[in-house]
PDB file of N, CA and C in Angstrom:
ATOM      1  N   MET A   1      -4.931  35.151 -20.221  1.00  0.00           N
ATOM      2  CA  MET A   1      -4.541  35.358 -19.261  1.00  0.00           C
ATOM      3  C   MET A   1      -5.199  36.270 -18.401  1.00  0.00           C
ATOM      4  N   CYS A   2      -4.869  36.368 -16.794  1.00  0.00           N
ATOM      5  CA  CYS A   2      -5.747  36.552 -15.659  1.00  0.00           C
ATOM      6  C   CYS A   2      -5.500  38.584 -16.184  1.00  0.00           C
ATOM      7  N   GLY A   3      -6.313  39.165 -15.272  1.00  0.00           N
ATOM      8  CA  GLY A   3      -6.042  40.543 -14.679  1.00  0.00           C
ATOM      9  C   GLY A   3      -5.590  40.497 -14.209  1.00  0.00           C
ATOM     10  N   ILE A   4      -4.773  41.569 -13.368  1.00  0.00           N
ATOM     11  CA  ILE A   4      -4.065  42.285 -11.933  1.00  0.00           C
ATOM     12  C   ILE A   4      -4.706  43.803 -11.412  1.00  0.00           C
ATOM     13  N   LEU A   5      -5.085  44.302 -10.782  1.00  0.00           N
ATOM     14  CA  LEU A   5      -4.513  45.606 -10.382  1.00  0.00           C
ATOM     15  C   LEU A   5      -4.147  45.879  -9.305  1.00  0.00           C
ATOM     16  N   GLY A   6      -3.136  46.899  -9.165  1.00  0.00           N
ATOM     17  CA  GLY A   6      -2.507  47.153  -7.100  1.00  0.00           C
ATOM     18  C   GLY A   6      -2.562  48.507  -7.160  1.00  0.00           C
ATOM     19  N   ALA A   7      -3.032  49.068  -5.993  1.00  0.00           N
ATOM     20  CA  ALA A   7      -2.133  50.500  -5.764  1.00  0.00           C
ATOM     21  C   ALA A   7      -1.372  50.398  -4.104  1.00  0.00           C
ATOM     22  N   TYR A   8      -0.629  50.555  -4.507  1.00  0.00           N
ATOM     23  CA  TYR A   8       0.586  51.376  -3.104  1.00  0.00           C
ATOM     24  C   TYR A   8       0.279  52.476  -2.880  1.00  0.00           C
ATOM     25  N   ARG A   9      -0.147  53.121  -2.290  1.00  0.00           N
ATOM     26  CA  ARG A   9      -0.246  54.220  -1.025  1.00  0.00           C
ATOM     27  C   ARG A   9      -1.069  55.687  -1.599  1.00  0.00           C
ATOM     28  N   CYS A  10      -2.200  54.818  -2.196  1.00  0.00           N
ATOM     29  CA  CYS A  10      -3.137  55.738  -3.313  1.00  0.00           C
ATOM     30  C   CYS A  10      -4.739  56.326  -2.653  1.00  0.00           C
ATOM     31  N   ASN A  11      -5.161  55.255  -1.907  1.00  0.00           N
ATOM     32  CA  ASN A  11      -6.010  55.538  -0.975  1.00  0.00           C
ATOM     33  C   ASN A  11      -7.309  55.490  -1.776  1.00  0.00           C
ATOM     34  N   ILE A  12      -7.150  54.497  -2.480  1.00  0.00           N
ATOM     35  CA  ILE A  12      -8.206  54.663  -3.318  1.00  0.00           C
ATOM     36  C   ILE A  12      -9.708  53.599  -2.888  1.00  0.00           C
ATOM     37  N   GLU A  13     -10.301  54.491  -2.774  1.00  0.00           N
ATOM     38  CA  GLU A  13     -12.036  53.942  -1.915  1.00  0.00           C
ATOM     39  C   GLU A  13     -12.232  52.319  -2.478  1.00  0.00           C
ATOM     40  N   PRO A  14     -12.638  51.481  -1.294  1.00  0.00           N
ATOM     41  CA  PRO A  14     -12.682  50.330  -2.425  1.00  0.00           C
ATOM     42  C   PRO A  14     -14.023  49.961  -3.535  1.00  0.00           C
ATOM     43  N   GLU A  15     -14.866  50.968  -3.059  1.00  0.00           N
ATOM     44  CA  GLU A  15     -15.969  50.632  -4.639  1.00  0.00           C
ATOM     45  C   GLU A  15     -15.194  51.013  -5.589  1.00  0.00           C
ATOM     46  N   ARG A  16     -14.460  52.437  -6.155  1.00  0.00           N
ATOM     47  CA  ARG A  16     -13.646  52.721  -6.751  1.00  0.00           C
ATOM     48  C   ARG A  16     -12.886  51.526  -7.461  1.00  0.00           C
ATOM     49  N   PHE A  17     -11.748  50.931  -6.218  1.00  0.00           N
ATOM     50  CA  PHE A  17     -11.077  50.028  -7.033  1.00  0.00           C
ATOM     51  C   PHE A  17     -11.872  48.519  -7.247  1.00  0.00           C
ATOM     52  N   GLY A  18     -12.787  48.264  -6.300  1.00  0.00           N
ATOM     53  CA  GLY A  18     -13.616  46.898  -7.709  1.00  0.00           C
ATOM     54  C   GLY A  18     -14.244  47.459  -8.959  1.00  0.00           C
ATOM     55  N   LYS A  19     -14.751  49.139  -8.992  1.00  0.00           N
ATOM     56  CA  LYS A  19     -14.780  48.887 -10.933  1.00  0.00           C
ATOM     57  C   LYS A  19     -13.546  49.229 -11.792  1.00  0.00           C
ATOM     58  N   CYS A  20     -12.756  49.767 -11.667  1.00  0.00           N
ATOM     59  CA  CYS A  20     -11.687  49.538 -12.121  1.00  0.00           C
ATOM     60  C   CYS A  20     -11.207  48.161 -12.248  1.00  0.00           C
ATOM     61  N   LEU A  21     -10.972  47.257 -11.488  1.00  0.00           N
ATOM     62  CA  LEU A  21     -10.705  45.926 -11.164  1.00  0.00           C
ATOM     63  C   LEU A  21     -12.098  45.255 -12.342  1.00  0.00           C
ATOM     64  N   ASP A  22     -13.229  45.204 -12.324  1.00  0.00           N
ATOM     65  CA  ASP A  22     -14.535  44.978 -13.173  1.00  0.00           C
ATOM     66  C   ASP A  22     -14.130  45.053 -14.698  1.00  0.00           C
ATOM     67  N   LEU A  23     -13.079  46.850 -14.761  1.00  0.00           N
ATOM     68  CA  LEU A  23     -12.866  46.882 -16.622  1.00  0.00           C
ATOM     69  C   LEU A  23     -12.456  45.541 -16.939  1.00  0.00           C
ATOM     70  N   LEU A  24     -11.287  44.977 -15.900  1.00  0.00           N
ATOM     71  CA  LEU A  24     -10.556  43.683 -16.951  1.00  0.00           C
ATOM     72  C   LEU A  24     -11.312  42.807 -16.746  1.00  0.00           C
ATOM     73  N   SER A  25     -12.411  42.509 -16.395  1.00  0.00           N
ATOM     74  CA  SER A  25     -13.682  41.494 -16.273  1.00  0.00           C
ATOM     75  C   SER A  25     -13.078  40.565 -17.827  1.00  0.00           C
ATOM     76  N   HIS A  26     -12.648  41.078 -18.815  1.00  0.00           N
ATOM     77  CA  HIS A  26     -12.656  40.218 -20.013  1.00  0.00           C
ATOM     78  C   HIS A  26     -11.271  39.587 -19.586  1.00  0.00           C
ATOM     79  N   ARG A  27     -10.376  40.020 -19.156  1.00  0.00           N
ATOM     80  CA  ARG A  27      -8.973  39.176 -18.232  1.00  0.00           C
ATOM     81  C   ARG A  27      -8.999  37.936 -18.358  1.00  0.00           C
ATOM     82  N   GLY A  28     -10.515  38.316 -16.814  1.00  0.00           N
ATOM     83  CA  GLY A  28     -10.683  37.310 -16.321  1.00  0.00           C
ATOM     84  C   GLY A  28     -11.990  37.170 -16.088  1.00  0.00           C
ATOM     85  N   PRO A  29     -12.886  35.732 -16.299  1.00  0.00           N
ATOM     86  CA  PRO A  29     -14.044  36.391 -16.553  1.00  0.00           C
ATOM     87  C   PRO A  29     -14.439  35.282 -15.510  1.00  0.00           C
ATOM     88  N   ASP A  30     -13.558  34.506 -15.083  1.00  0.00           N
ATOM     89  CA  ASP A  30     -14.163  33.159 -13.818  1.00  0.00           C
ATOM     90  C   ASP A  30     -13.783  33.444 -12.646  1.00  0.00           C
ATOM     91  N   GLY A  31     -14.109  34.892 -12.067  1.00  0.00           N
ATOM     92  CA  GLY A  31     -14.129  35.409 -10.616  1.00  0.00           C
ATOM     93  C   GLY A  31     -12.825  36.198 -10.556  1.00  0.00           C
ATOM     94  N   PHE A  32     -13.307  36.655  -9.196  1.00  0.00           N
ATOM     95  CA  PHE A  32     -12.159  37.995  -8.927  1.00  0.00           C
ATOM     96  C   PHE A  32     -11.705  38.041  -7.047  1.00  0.00           C
ATOM     97  N   GLY A  33     -11.307  38.709  -6.618  1.00  0.00           N
ATOM     98  CA  GLY A  33     -10.896  38.848  -5.791  1.00  0.00           C
ATOM     99  C   GLY A  33      -9.803  39.939  -5.581  1.00  0.00           C
ATOM    100  N   ILE A  34     -10.054  40.692  -3.870  1.00  0.00           N
ATOM    101  CA  ILE A  34      -9.564  42.023  -3.953  1.00  0.00           C
ATOM    102  C   ILE A  34      -8.480  41.435  -2.221  1.00  0.00           C
ATOM    103  N   TRP A  35      -7.631  42.181  -2.239  1.00  0.00           N
ATOM    104  CA  TRP A  35      -7.306  41.867  -0.980  1.00  0.00           C
ATOM    105  C   TRP A  35      -6.477  43.686  -0.662  1.00  0.00           C
ATOM    106  N   THR A  36      -6.847  43.778   0.932  1.00  0.00           N
ATOM    107  CA  THR A  36      -6.152  45.301   1.487  1.00  0.00           C
ATOM    108  C   THR A  36      -5.587  45.095   2.019  1.00  0.00           C
ATOM    109  N   SER A  37      -4.038  45.080   2.363  1.00  0.00           N
ATOM    110  CA  SER A  37      -3.360  45.115   3.079  1.00  0.00           C
ATOM    111  C   SER A  37      -4.268  46.015   4.870  1.00  0.00           C
ATOM    112  N   ASP A  38      -3.418  45.467   5.916  1.00  0.00           N
ATOM    113  CA  ASP A  38      -4.457  45.808   7.676  1.00  0.00           C
ATOM    114  C   ASP A  38      -4.386  47.438   7.722  1.00  0.00           C
ATOM    115  N   ASP A  39      -2.904  47.660   7.128  1.00  0.00           N
ATOM    116  CA  ASP A  39      -2.525  49.050   7.114  1.00  0.00           C
ATOM    117  C   ASP A  39      -3.434  50.427   6.103  1.00  0.00           C
ATOM    118  N   ASN A  40      -4.323  49.240   5.035  1.00  0.00           N
ATOM    119  CA  ASN A  40      -5.188  50.151   4.141  1.00  0.00           C
ATOM    120  C   ASN A  40      -4.308  51.432   3.073  1.00  0.00           C
ATOM    121  N   ILE A  41      -2.357  50.351   3.019  1.00  0.00           N
ATOM    122  CA  ILE A  41      -1.596  50.887   2.146  1.00  0.00           C
ATOM    123  C   ILE A  41      -1.384  50.496   0.697  1.00  0.00           C
ATOM    124  N   CYS A  42      -1.525  49.158   0.934  1.00  0.00           N
ATOM    125  CA  CYS A  42      -1.697  48.428   0.077  1.00  0.00           C
ATOM    126  C   CYS A  42      -2.803  47.481  -0.608  1.00  0.00           C
ATOM    127  N   GLN A  43      -2.949  47.946  -2.051  1.00  0.00           N
ATOM    128  CA  GLN A  43      -4.367  46.835  -2.796  1.00  0.00           C
ATOM    129  C   GLN A  43      -4.391  45.848  -3.717  1.00  0.00           C
ATOM    130  N   LEU A  44      -4.798  44.421  -3.633  1.00  0.00           N
ATOM    131  CA  LEU A  44      -4.355  44.043  -5.101  1.00  0.00           C
ATOM    132  C   LEU A  44      -5.495  43.251  -5.158  1.00  0.00           C
ATOM    133  N   GLY A  45      -5.552  43.379  -6.868  1.00  0.00           N
ATOM    134  CA  GLY A  45      -6.483  42.518  -7.203  1.00  0.00           C
ATOM    135  C   GLY A  45      -6.621  41.932  -8.363  1.00  0.00           C
ATOM    136  N   HIS A  46      -7.236  40.527  -8.307  1.00  0.00           N
ATOM    137  CA  HIS A  46      -7.305  39.699  -9.579  1.00  0.00           C
ATOM    138  C   HIS A  46      -8.747  39.677 -10.316  1.00  0.00           C
ATOM    139  N   ARG A  47      -8.412  39.348 -11.658  1.00  0.00           N
ATOM    140  CA  ARG A  47      -9.400  39.075 -11.954  1.00  0.00           C
ATOM    141  C   ARG A  47      -9.216  37.548 -12.900  1.00  0.00           C
ATOM    142  N   ARG A  48      -9.555  36.356 -12.293  1.00  0.00           N
ATOM    143  CA  ARG A  48      -9.499  34.893 -12.707  1.00  0.00           C
ATOM    144  C   ARG A  48      -9.911  34.602 -13.971  1.00  0.00           C
ATOM    145  N   LEU A  49      -9.229  33.888 -15.159  1.00  0.00           N
ATOM    146  CA  LEU A  49      -9.219  32.892 -16.020  1.00  0.00           C
ATOM    147  C   LEU A  49      -8.579  31.824 -15.523  1.00  0.00           C
ATOM    148  N   ALA A  50     -10.083  31.024 -14.471  1.00  0.00           N
ATOM    149  CA  ALA A  50      -9.057  29.677 -14.339  1.00  0.00           C
ATOM    150  C   ALA A  50      -8.985  28.952 -15.295  1.00  0.00           C
ATOM    151  N   ILE A  51      -7.838  28.163 -15.681  1.00  0.00           N
ATOM    152  CA  ILE A  51      -7.123  26.886 -16.583  1.00  0.00           C
ATOM    153  C   ILE A  51      -6.570  25.977 -15.370  1.00  0.00           C
ATOM    154  N   ILE A  52      -5.678  26.067 -14.913  1.00  0.00           N
ATOM    155  CA  ILE A  52      -4.832  24.467 -14.414  1.00  0.00           C
ATOM    156  C   ILE A  52      -6.395  24.138 -13.071  1.00  0.00           C
ATOM    157  N   ASP A  53      -6.135  25.559 -12.410  1.00  0.00           N
ATOM    158  CA  ASP A  53      -7.391  24.326 -11.332  1.00  0.00           C
ATOM    159  C   ASP A  53      -8.570  25.266 -11.541  1.00  0.00           C
ATOM    160  N   LEU A  54      -9.608  24.675 -11.422  1.00  0.00           N
ATOM    161  CA  LEU A  54     -10.460  25.749 -11.533  1.00  0.00           C
ATOM    162  C   LEU A  54     -11.633  25.811 -10.162  1.00  0.00           C
ATOM    163  N   SER A  55     -10.918  24.960  -8.816  1.00  0.00           N
ATOM    164  CA  SER A  55     -11.236  24.462  -8.102  1.00  0.00           C
ATOM    165  C   SER A  55     -10.761  26.278  -7.608  1.00  0.00           C
ATOM    166  N   ASP A  56     -11.718  26.811  -5.807  1.00  0.00           N
ATOM    167  CA  ASP A  56     -11.800  28.129  -5.671  1.00  0.00           C
ATOM    168  C   ASP A  56     -10.446  28.364  -4.454  1.00  0.00           C
ATOM    169  N   ARG A  57      -9.613  26.881  -4.771  1.00  0.00           N
ATOM    170  CA  ARG A  57      -7.730  26.609  -3.791  1.00  0.00           C
ATOM    171  C   ARG A  57      -6.944  27.622  -4.379  1.00  0.00           C
ATOM    172  N   SER A  58      -7.347  27.922  -5.906  1.00  0.00           N
ATOM    173  CA  SER A  58      -6.100  28.280  -6.242  1.00  0.00           C
ATOM    174  C   SER A  58      -6.786  30.300  -6.719  1.00  0.00           C
ATOM    175  N   LYS A  59      -8.148  30.477  -6.343  1.00  0.00           N
ATOM    176  CA  LYS A  59      -8.260  32.126  -5.883  1.00  0.00           C
ATOM    177  C   LYS A  59      -7.555  32.696  -5.227  1.00  0.00           C
ATOM    178  N   GLN A  60      -7.368  34.589  -6.075  1.00  0.00           N
ATOM    179  CA  GLN A  60      -6.441  35.169  -5.819  1.00  0.00           C
ATOM    180  C   GLN A  60      -7.366  36.506  -5.794  1.00  0.00           C
ATOM    181  N   PRO A  61      -6.469  37.229  -5.225  1.00  0.00           N
ATOM    182  CA  PRO A  61      -5.101  37.171  -4.309  1.00  0.00           C
ATOM    183  C   PRO A  61      -4.948  36.144  -3.590  1.00  0.00           C
ATOM    184  N   MET A  62      -3.587  35.413  -3.263  1.00  0.00           N
ATOM    185  CA  MET A  62      -3.199  34.323  -2.706  1.00  0.00           C
ATOM    186  C   MET A  62      -2.638  34.982  -1.492  1.00  0.00           C
ATOM    187  N   THR A  63      -3.017  34.458  -0.187  1.00  0.00           N
ATOM    188  CA  THR A  63      -2.291  34.874   1.401  1.00  0.00           C
ATOM    189  C   THR A  63      -1.657  33.379   1.520  1.00  0.00           C
ATOM    190  N   ILE A  64      -0.098  33.377   1.836  1.00  0.00           N
ATOM    191  CA  ILE A  64       0.201  32.069   2.825  1.00  0.00           C
ATOM    192  C   ILE A  64       1.091  33.423   4.325  1.00  0.00           C
ATOM    193  N   GLY A  65       0.204  32.230   4.961  1.00  0.00           N
ATOM    194  CA  GLY A  65       0.888  32.633   6.580  1.00  0.00           C
ATOM    195  C   GLY A  65       0.267  33.796   7.105  1.00  0.00           C
ATOM    196  N   SER A  66       0.832  34.758   7.211  1.00  0.00           N
ATOM    197  CA  SER A  66       0.514  36.116   7.517  1.00  0.00           C
ATOM    198  C   SER A  66       0.955  37.366   7.241  1.00  0.00           C
ATOM    199  N   ARG A  67       1.838  37.362   6.214  1.00  0.00           N
ATOM    200  CA  ARG A  67       3.033  37.887   5.884  1.00  0.00           C
ATOM    201  C   ARG A  67       3.279  38.472   3.959  1.00  0.00           C
ATOM    202  N   TYR A  68       2.865  37.208   3.365  1.00  0.00           N
ATOM    203  CA  TYR A  68       2.671  37.449   2.018  1.00  0.00           C
ATOM    204  C   TYR A  68       2.143  37.178   0.940  1.00  0.00           C
ATOM    205  N   THR A  69       1.541  38.284   0.326  1.00  0.00           N
ATOM    206  CA  THR A  69       0.375  37.941  -0.814  1.00  0.00           C
ATOM    207  C   THR A  69       0.643  37.975  -1.670  1.00  0.00           C
ATOM    208  N   ILE A  70      -0.213  37.563  -3.004  1.00  0.00           N
ATOM    209  CA  ILE A  70       0.401  37.650  -4.239  1.00  0.00           C
ATOM    210  C   ILE A  70      -0.961  37.749  -5.013  1.00  0.00           C
ATOM    211  N   VAL A  71      -0.543  38.659  -6.631  1.00  0.00           N
ATOM    212  CA  VAL A  71      -1.240  37.915  -7.846  1.00  0.00           C
ATOM    213  C   VAL A  71      -0.150  37.240  -8.280  1.00  0.00           C
ATOM    214  N   PHE A  72      -0.873  36.896  -9.537  1.00  0.00           N
ATOM    215  CA  PHE A  72      -0.161  36.099 -10.265  1.00  0.00           C
ATOM    216  C   PHE A  72      -0.698  36.577 -11.523  1.00  0.00           C
ATOM    217  N   ASN A  73      -0.159  36.640 -12.671  1.00  0.00           N
ATOM    218  CA  ASN A  73      -0.376  36.689 -13.914  1.00  0.00           C
ATOM    219  C   ASN A  73       0.229  36.078 -15.040  1.00  0.00           C
ATOM    220  N   GLY A  74       0.441  34.647 -14.919  1.00  0.00           N
ATOM    221  CA  GLY A  74       1.465  34.150 -16.008  1.00  0.00           C
ATOM    222  C   GLY A  74       1.399  32.481 -16.019  1.00  0.00           C
ATOM    223  N   GLU A  75       2.427  32.034 -16.120  1.00  0.00           N
ATOM    224  CA  GLU A  75       1.801  30.263 -16.064  1.00  0.00           C
ATOM    225  C   GLU A  75       3.909  30.346 -15.961  1.00  0.00           C
ATOM    226  N   ILE A  76       3.598  29.562 -15.042  1.00  0.00           N
ATOM    227  CA  ILE A  76       4.980  28.728 -14.798  1.00  0.00           C
ATOM    228  C   ILE A  76       5.131  27.258 -15.186  1.00  0.00           C
ATOM    229  N   TYR A  77       5.680  27.311 -16.722  1.00  0.00           N
ATOM    230  CA  TYR A  77       5.272  25.773 -17.161  1.00  0.00           C
ATOM    231  C   TYR A  77       6.055  24.508 -16.482  1.00  0.00           C
ATOM    232  N   ASN A  78       6.562  24.437 -15.780  1.00  0.00           N
ATOM    233  CA  ASN A  78       7.438  23.679 -15.307  1.00  0.00           C
ATOM    234  C   ASN A  78       7.052  23.610 -13.646  1.00  0.00           C
ATOM    235  N   TYR A  79       5.906  23.546 -13.243  1.00  0.00           N
ATOM    236  CA  TYR A  79       5.663  24.050 -12.417  1.00  0.00           C
ATOM    237  C   TYR A  79       5.323  22.499 -11.410  1.00  0.00           C
ATOM    238  N   LEU A  80       4.821  21.910 -12.312  1.00  0.00           N
ATOM    239  CA  LEU A  80       4.613  20.109 -11.528  1.00  0.00           C
ATOM    240  C   LEU A  80       5.915  19.996 -11.359  1.00  0.00           C
ATOM    241  N   GLU A  81       6.823  19.776 -11.876  1.00  0.00           N
ATOM    242  CA  GLU A  81       8.352  19.174 -11.446  1.00  0.00           C
ATOM    243  C   GLU A  81       8.792  20.401 -10.234  1.00  0.00           C
ATOM    244  N   LEU A  82       8.435  21.210 -10.227  1.00  0.00           N
ATOM    245  CA  LEU A  82       8.729  21.973  -9.119  1.00  0.00           C
ATOM    246  C   LEU A  82       8.123  21.878  -8.057  1.00  0.00           C
ATOM    247  N   LYS A  83       6.679  21.345  -8.020  1.00  0.00           N
ATOM    248  CA  LYS A  83       6.189  20.894  -6.981  1.00  0.00           C
ATOM    249  C   LYS A  83       6.443  19.256  -6.478  1.00  0.00           C
ATOM    250  N   VAL A  84       7.134  18.729  -7.137  1.00  0.00           N
ATOM    251  CA  VAL A  84       7.413  17.093  -7.180  1.00  0.00           C
ATOM    252  C   VAL A  84       8.683  17.801  -5.806  1.00  0.00           C
ATOM    253  N   GLU A  85       9.391  18.378  -6.144  1.00  0.00           N
ATOM    254  CA  GLU A  85      10.837  19.021  -5.808  1.00  0.00           C
ATOM    255  C   GLU A  85      10.331  19.357  -4.219  1.00  0.00           C
ATOM    256  N   LEU A  86       9.557  20.373  -4.094  1.00  0.00           N
ATOM    257  CA  LEU A  86       9.147  21.038  -3.439  1.00  0.00           C
ATOM    258  C   LEU A  86       8.449  19.839  -1.599  1.00  0.00           C
ATOM    259  N   LYS A  87       7.858  18.694  -2.750  1.00  0.00           N
ATOM    260  CA  LYS A  87       7.273  17.781  -2.069  1.00  0.00           C
ATOM    261  C   LYS A  87       8.396  16.767  -0.917  1.00  0.00           C
ATOM    262  N   LYS A  88       8.674  16.489  -2.044  1.00  0.00           N
ATOM    263  CA  LYS A  88      10.448  16.161  -0.938  1.00  0.00           C
ATOM    264  C   LYS A  88      11.091  16.883   0.201  1.00  0.00           C
ATOM    265  N   LYS A  89      10.960  17.943   0.166  1.00  0.00           N
ATOM    266  CA  LYS A  89      11.362  18.970   0.666  1.00  0.00           C
ATOM    267  C   LYS A  89      10.657  19.066   1.894  1.00  0.00           C
ATOM    268  N   GLY A  90       8.954  18.134   2.231  1.00  0.00           N
ATOM    269  CA  GLY A  90       8.605  18.720   3.462  1.00  0.00           C
ATOM    270  C   GLY A  90       7.140  19.488   3.112  1.00  0.00           C
ATOM    271  N   TYR A  91       7.052  20.253   1.206  1.00  0.00           N
ATOM    272  CA  TYR A  91       6.483  21.569   1.210  1.00  0.00           C
ATOM    273  C   TYR A  91       4.973  20.857   0.748  1.00  0.00           C
ATOM    274  N   CYS A  92       3.934  21.152   1.694  1.00  0.00           N
ATOM    275  CA  CYS A  92       2.175  21.072   1.534  1.00  0.00           C
ATOM    276  C   CYS A  92       1.756  21.645   0.682  1.00  0.00           C
ATOM    277  N   PHE A  93       0.589  21.371  -0.367  1.00  0.00           N
ATOM    278  CA  PHE A  93      -0.045  22.492  -1.554  1.00  0.00           C
ATOM    279  C   PHE A  93      -1.306  22.090  -0.792  1.00  0.00           C
ATOM    280  N   LYS A  94      -1.709  23.182  -1.029  1.00  0.00           N
ATOM    281  CA  LYS A  94      -3.611  23.900  -0.995  1.00  0.00           C
ATOM    282  C   LYS A  94      -3.816  23.560  -2.380  1.00  0.00           C
ATOM    283  N   SER A  95      -3.333  23.763  -3.440  1.00  0.00           N
ATOM    284  CA  SER A  95      -4.089  23.615  -4.395  1.00  0.00           C
ATOM    285  C   SER A  95      -3.212  23.005  -5.881  1.00  0.00           C
ATOM    286  N   SER A  96      -3.664  22.536  -6.875  1.00  0.00           N
ATOM    287  CA  SER A  96      -3.174  22.396  -7.945  1.00  0.00           C
ATOM    288  C   SER A  96      -2.932  22.861  -8.465  1.00  0.00           C
ATOM    289  N   GLY A  97      -3.036  24.012  -8.738  1.00  0.00           N
ATOM    290  CA  GLY A  97      -2.479  25.529  -9.460  1.00  0.00           C
ATOM    291  C   GLY A  97      -0.342  25.305  -9.192  1.00  0.00           C
ATOM    292  N   ASP A  98      -0.441  26.902  -9.745  1.00  0.00           N
ATOM    293  CA  ASP A  98       0.741  26.708 -10.577  1.00  0.00           C
ATOM    294  C   ASP A  98       1.628  27.919  -9.092  1.00  0.00           C
ATOM    295  N   ALA A  99       0.484  29.004  -9.108  1.00  0.00           N
ATOM    296  CA  ALA A  99       0.503  29.988  -8.112  1.00  0.00           C
ATOM    297  C   ALA A  99       0.912  29.879  -7.120  1.00  0.00           C
ATOM    298  N   GLU A 100       0.656  29.049  -6.740  1.00  0.00           N
ATOM    299  CA  GLU A 100       1.361  28.193  -5.245  1.00  0.00           C
ATOM    300  C   GLU A 100       2.812  28.325  -5.026  1.00  0.00           C
ATOM    301  N   VAL A 101       3.291  27.220  -6.069  1.00  0.00           N
ATOM    302  CA  VAL A 101       4.328  27.302  -6.085  1.00  0.00           C
ATOM    303  C   VAL A 101       5.248  28.880  -6.061  1.00  0.00           C
ATOM    304  N   VAL A 102       5.483  29.769  -6.042  1.00  0.00           N
ATOM    305  CA  VAL A 102       5.701  31.058  -6.020  1.00  0.00           C
ATOM    306  C   VAL A 102       5.920  30.560  -4.833  1.00  0.00           C
ATOM    307  N   PHE A 103       5.058  30.603  -3.822  1.00  0.00           N
ATOM    308  CA  PHE A 103       5.549  30.822  -2.430  1.00  0.00           C
ATOM    309  C   PHE A 103       6.018  30.110  -1.733  1.00  0.00           C
ATOM    310  N   ASP A 104       5.986  29.101  -2.113  1.00  0.00           N
ATOM    311  CA  ASP A 104       6.489  28.106  -1.360  1.00  0.00           C
ATOM    312  C   ASP A 104       8.358  28.036  -1.437  1.00  0.00           C
ATOM    313  N   PHE A 105       8.820  28.757  -2.684  1.00  0.00           N
ATOM    314  CA  PHE A 105      10.216  28.850  -2.915  1.00  0.00           C
ATOM    315  C   PHE A 105      10.612  30.152  -1.721  1.00  0.00           C
ATOM    316  N   VAL A 106       9.724  31.626  -1.493  1.00  0.00           N
ATOM    317  CA  VAL A 106       9.619  32.390  -0.378  1.00  0.00           C
ATOM    318  C   VAL A 106       9.837  32.237   0.401  1.00  0.00           C
ATOM    319  N   TYR A 107       8.346  31.189   0.655  1.00  0.00           N
ATOM    320  CA  TYR A 107       8.163  31.280   2.797  1.00  0.00           C
ATOM    321  C   TYR A 107       8.850  30.199   3.498  1.00  0.00           C
TER     322      TYR A 107
END
């Protein structure tokens, strides 16, 4: 399982937030990402354990449009079936991972 970290209205220095995320490196040795909102109120961090999509297209935090950003720790077991259903409705996917499926239900 991946490691996730979030802070809301905590004003954590970026360097300290990164060090906290590094404490989760055993949960996600394949990469990491940090996202900070434009107003610095929200910070999201992700330590990646790449299993389904090994490419950078499934890197997190993942942002779609300018409104939604997600860190996702888990697995959508029927994501392939959901992707087929969403593609029929006109959705386009950039990755072959499962986290992007969550976005297409809310975006």
